[in-house]
Structures are given as C-alpha cells and as structure tokens.
Amino acid sequence: MGFPDRIERTVQLDRAPEEVWAALTTAEGLSSWFGDEAGIELHPGGRGHLIWHGGPTTHLRVERVEEPSVFGFTWQIPELPSEDPRRTYVEFTLEPVGAGTRLTVVETGFAQLPEEHYREIYDSHTEGWSRELGELTEHLDAA
C-alpha cells in the first residue's frame, strides 16, 4: 500500500532570514517555540535534542547546514520505540522576500513506517507542523 511520504508547509515571516535562522538553529531559539528545552551542535553530524515538559524528549542529528538558507536534520519518531532505527528528515528552507522571509519546512520518510502506525504518526506530524509554525510566528512577532 502506498502512503504519502511528505508533509510540506510554508509561512511568510516578517523577520529577516538571519533572525529566522537563529530561531531554527540555536538552543535558545528552538526552546522559545519548539519544545521547552533544546540543545544543538550546529554542524553536519552534530547532535541535538528537544524536550517537551510532560511529553517526549526527541533526539536529532544535524544533516545539512547552509547558513542562512537551509537547515536539515533527522529525528526520532516519538510514537515508535526509542530503539527503532527509522527516522524522518526535516528540512527548513529560508528565502528572503522583501524585508521578511518565506520559510518552508518539509518532513519526509513517512512511507517507511509500519502500516498499523502510519496514519496516526502522519496525521500527528501534519497537525504538529501547523501548530509549531504558528508558535514560531508568534515568537518572532513578539521579539
């Protein structure tokens, strides 16, 4: 059975790419909108983590860093056991538009998920990106 493998969302932000980049690629920036605590080693192969108080801790591996335009990582799928080796890939692309930034996030790798968990995980991540990008927008608007 074939499944959609990709979630893509684009938002227009009223901040320069450098400001958006800092919100995506620093522990301080990430913890202000994407989880409650974060850590990141910003280089390919670097490790990172996102902690939601009362929720999961997710570990990630930095895969792509092209400042200030592309940032990508693979991360655990929280709905699967921590020892499961499957990961999805998340890539943020920043494009200057006037005085602001068009930010596109793409997450791929869902087709590898077990059929019995696919719909729950795919729907959860689809909803999650809408919520998290809303929080990023609110954070940047308040800054």
Protein backbone atom coordinates (compact mmCIF):
# COMPACT_ATOMS: atom_id res chain seq x y z
CA MET A 1 0.00 0.00 0.00
CA GLY A 2 1.41 3.41 -0.90
CA PHE A 3 1.40 6.24 1.62
CA PRO A 4 2.11 9.94 1.29
CA ASP A 5 5.75 10.35 2.29
CA ARG A 6 5.91 14.12 2.68
CA ILE A 7 4.50 16.98 4.70
CA GLU A 8 5.21 20.50 3.41
CA ARG A 9 4.26 23.82 4.99
CA THR A 10 5.23 27.37 4.01
CA VAL A 11 4.84 30.52 6.11
CA GLN A 12 5.66 34.14 5.41
CA LEU A 13 7.51 35.75 8.34
CA ASP A 14 8.08 39.45 8.91
CA ARG A 15 11.69 38.92 10.00
CA ALA A 16 14.99 38.85 8.15
CA PRO A 17 16.40 35.41 7.27
CA GLU A 18 19.16 35.85 9.87
CA GLU A 19 16.58 36.21 12.66
CA VAL A 20 14.61 33.21 11.45
CA TRP A 21 17.85 31.22 11.13
CA ALA A 22 18.71 31.91 14.78
CA ALA A 23 15.24 30.72 15.86
CA LEU A 24 15.79 27.44 13.98
CA THR A 25 19.41 26.66 14.73
CA THR A 26 20.24 27.74 18.29
CA ALA A 27 19.23 26.13 21.58
CA GLU A 28 17.79 29.44 22.79
CA GLY A 29 15.87 29.97 19.57
CA LEU A 30 14.46 26.43 19.39
CA SER A 31 13.39 26.33 23.03
CA SER A 32 11.41 29.54 22.54
CA TRP A 33 8.96 27.88 20.13
CA PHE A 34 9.82 24.21 19.50
CA GLY A 35 9.75 22.37 22.80
CA ASP A 36 10.59 23.61 26.27
CA GLU A 37 14.32 22.86 26.21
CA ALA A 38 16.72 22.30 23.35
CA GLY A 39 20.34 21.60 22.60
CA ILE A 40 22.10 21.55 19.25
CA GLU A 41 25.56 21.11 17.73
CA LEU A 42 25.24 23.10 14.51
CA HIS A 43 27.32 21.10 12.03
CA PRO A 44 26.59 18.07 9.85
CA GLY A 45 26.69 15.04 12.12
CA GLY A 46 26.01 17.20 15.19
CA ARG A 47 23.59 16.01 17.82
CA GLY A 48 20.60 17.79 19.22
CA HIS A 49 17.58 17.26 21.40
CA LEU A 50 14.17 18.76 22.00
CA ILE A 51 12.39 18.30 25.33
CA TRP A 52 8.71 18.92 25.91
CA HIS A 53 7.97 19.10 29.65
CA GLY A 54 5.38 16.44 30.39
CA GLY A 55 6.00 14.98 26.94
CA PRO A 56 8.71 13.35 24.87
CA THR A 57 12.39 14.04 24.51
CA THR A 58 13.36 13.76 20.86
CA HIS A 59 16.92 13.30 19.66
CA LEU A 60 18.06 14.62 16.32
CA ARG A 61 21.10 14.51 14.08
CA VAL A 62 22.05 17.57 12.05
CA GLU A 63 22.38 16.63 8.37
CA ARG A 64 22.58 19.93 6.46
CA VAL A 65 23.72 23.44 7.42
CA GLU A 66 23.86 26.13 4.72
CA GLU A 67 23.59 29.38 6.67
CA PRO A 68 21.26 31.26 6.36
CA SER A 69 19.20 29.35 3.82
CA VAL A 70 18.95 25.59 4.53
CA PHE A 71 18.92 23.60 7.77
CA GLY A 72 18.09 19.89 7.88
CA PHE A 73 18.04 17.12 10.45
CA THR A 74 16.82 13.58 11.00
CA TRP A 75 14.97 12.78 14.18
CA GLN A 76 13.39 10.00 16.10
CA ILE A 77 9.74 9.28 15.60
CA PRO A 78 8.39 9.70 19.14
CA GLU A 79 5.49 7.34 18.53
CA LEU A 80 7.90 4.43 17.86
CA PRO A 81 10.11 2.70 20.46
CA SER A 82 13.35 4.63 21.13
CA GLU A 83 15.47 1.77 19.78
CA ASP A 84 13.65 1.82 16.41
CA PRO A 85 16.20 2.98 13.80
CA ARG A 86 13.69 4.65 11.47
CA ARG A 87 13.89 8.43 11.29
CA THR A 88 12.23 11.16 9.28
CA TYR A 89 14.13 14.02 7.65
CA VAL A 90 13.13 17.63 8.30
CA GLU A 91 14.44 20.45 6.13
CA PHE A 92 13.87 24.17 6.58
CA THR A 93 14.45 26.44 3.59
CA LEU A 94 14.61 30.20 4.12
CA GLU A 95 14.10 32.59 1.22
CA PRO A 96 14.35 36.38 1.56
CA VAL A 97 11.16 38.11 0.40
CA GLY A 98 11.23 41.88 0.75
CA ALA A 99 12.10 42.65 4.37
CA GLY A 100 10.85 39.23 5.50
CA THR A 101 11.41 35.53 4.96
CA ARG A 102 9.47 32.77 3.27
CA LEU A 103 10.08 29.65 5.37
CA THR A 104 9.29 26.22 4.00
CA VAL A 105 9.51 23.10 6.12
CA VAL A 106 9.42 19.66 4.54
CA GLU A 107 9.38 16.41 6.51
CA THR A 108 9.87 13.16 4.58
CA GLY A 109 10.26 9.48 5.39
CA PHE A 110 6.74 8.51 6.42
CA ALA A 111 6.39 5.74 3.81
CA GLN A 112 8.85 3.62 5.81
CA LEU A 113 6.52 3.48 8.82
CA PRO A 114 4.64 0.34 9.77
CA GLU A 115 1.17 0.32 8.25
CA GLU A 116 -0.51 -0.02 11.64
CA HIS A 117 1.10 3.23 12.88
CA TYR A 118 1.36 5.23 9.66
CA ARG A 119 -1.92 7.19 9.75
CA GLU A 120 -1.58 8.17 13.43
CA ILE A 121 2.01 9.35 13.01
CA TYR A 122 1.47 11.12 9.68
CA ASP A 123 -1.61 12.94 10.99
CA SER A 124 0.16 13.85 14.24
CA HIS A 125 3.11 15.38 12.39
CA THR A 126 0.82 17.19 9.93
CA GLU A 127 -1.05 18.80 12.82
CA GLY A 128 2.20 19.34 14.73
CA TRP A 129 3.85 21.39 11.98
CA SER A 130 0.83 23.68 11.72
CA ARG A 131 0.91 24.24 15.49
CA GLU A 132 4.71 24.63 15.76
CA LEU A 133 4.97 27.06 12.83
CA GLY A 134 2.21 29.10 14.46
CA GLU A 135 4.31 29.19 17.64
CA LEU A 136 7.38 30.22 15.64
CA THR A 137 5.40 33.05 14.04
CA GLU A 138 4.15 34.22 17.46
CA HIS A 139 7.67 34.06 18.90
CA LEU A 140 9.17 36.12 16.06
CA ASP A 141 6.29 38.63 16.11
CA ALA A 142 6.87 39.16 19.85
CA ALA A 143 10.63 39.58 19.52
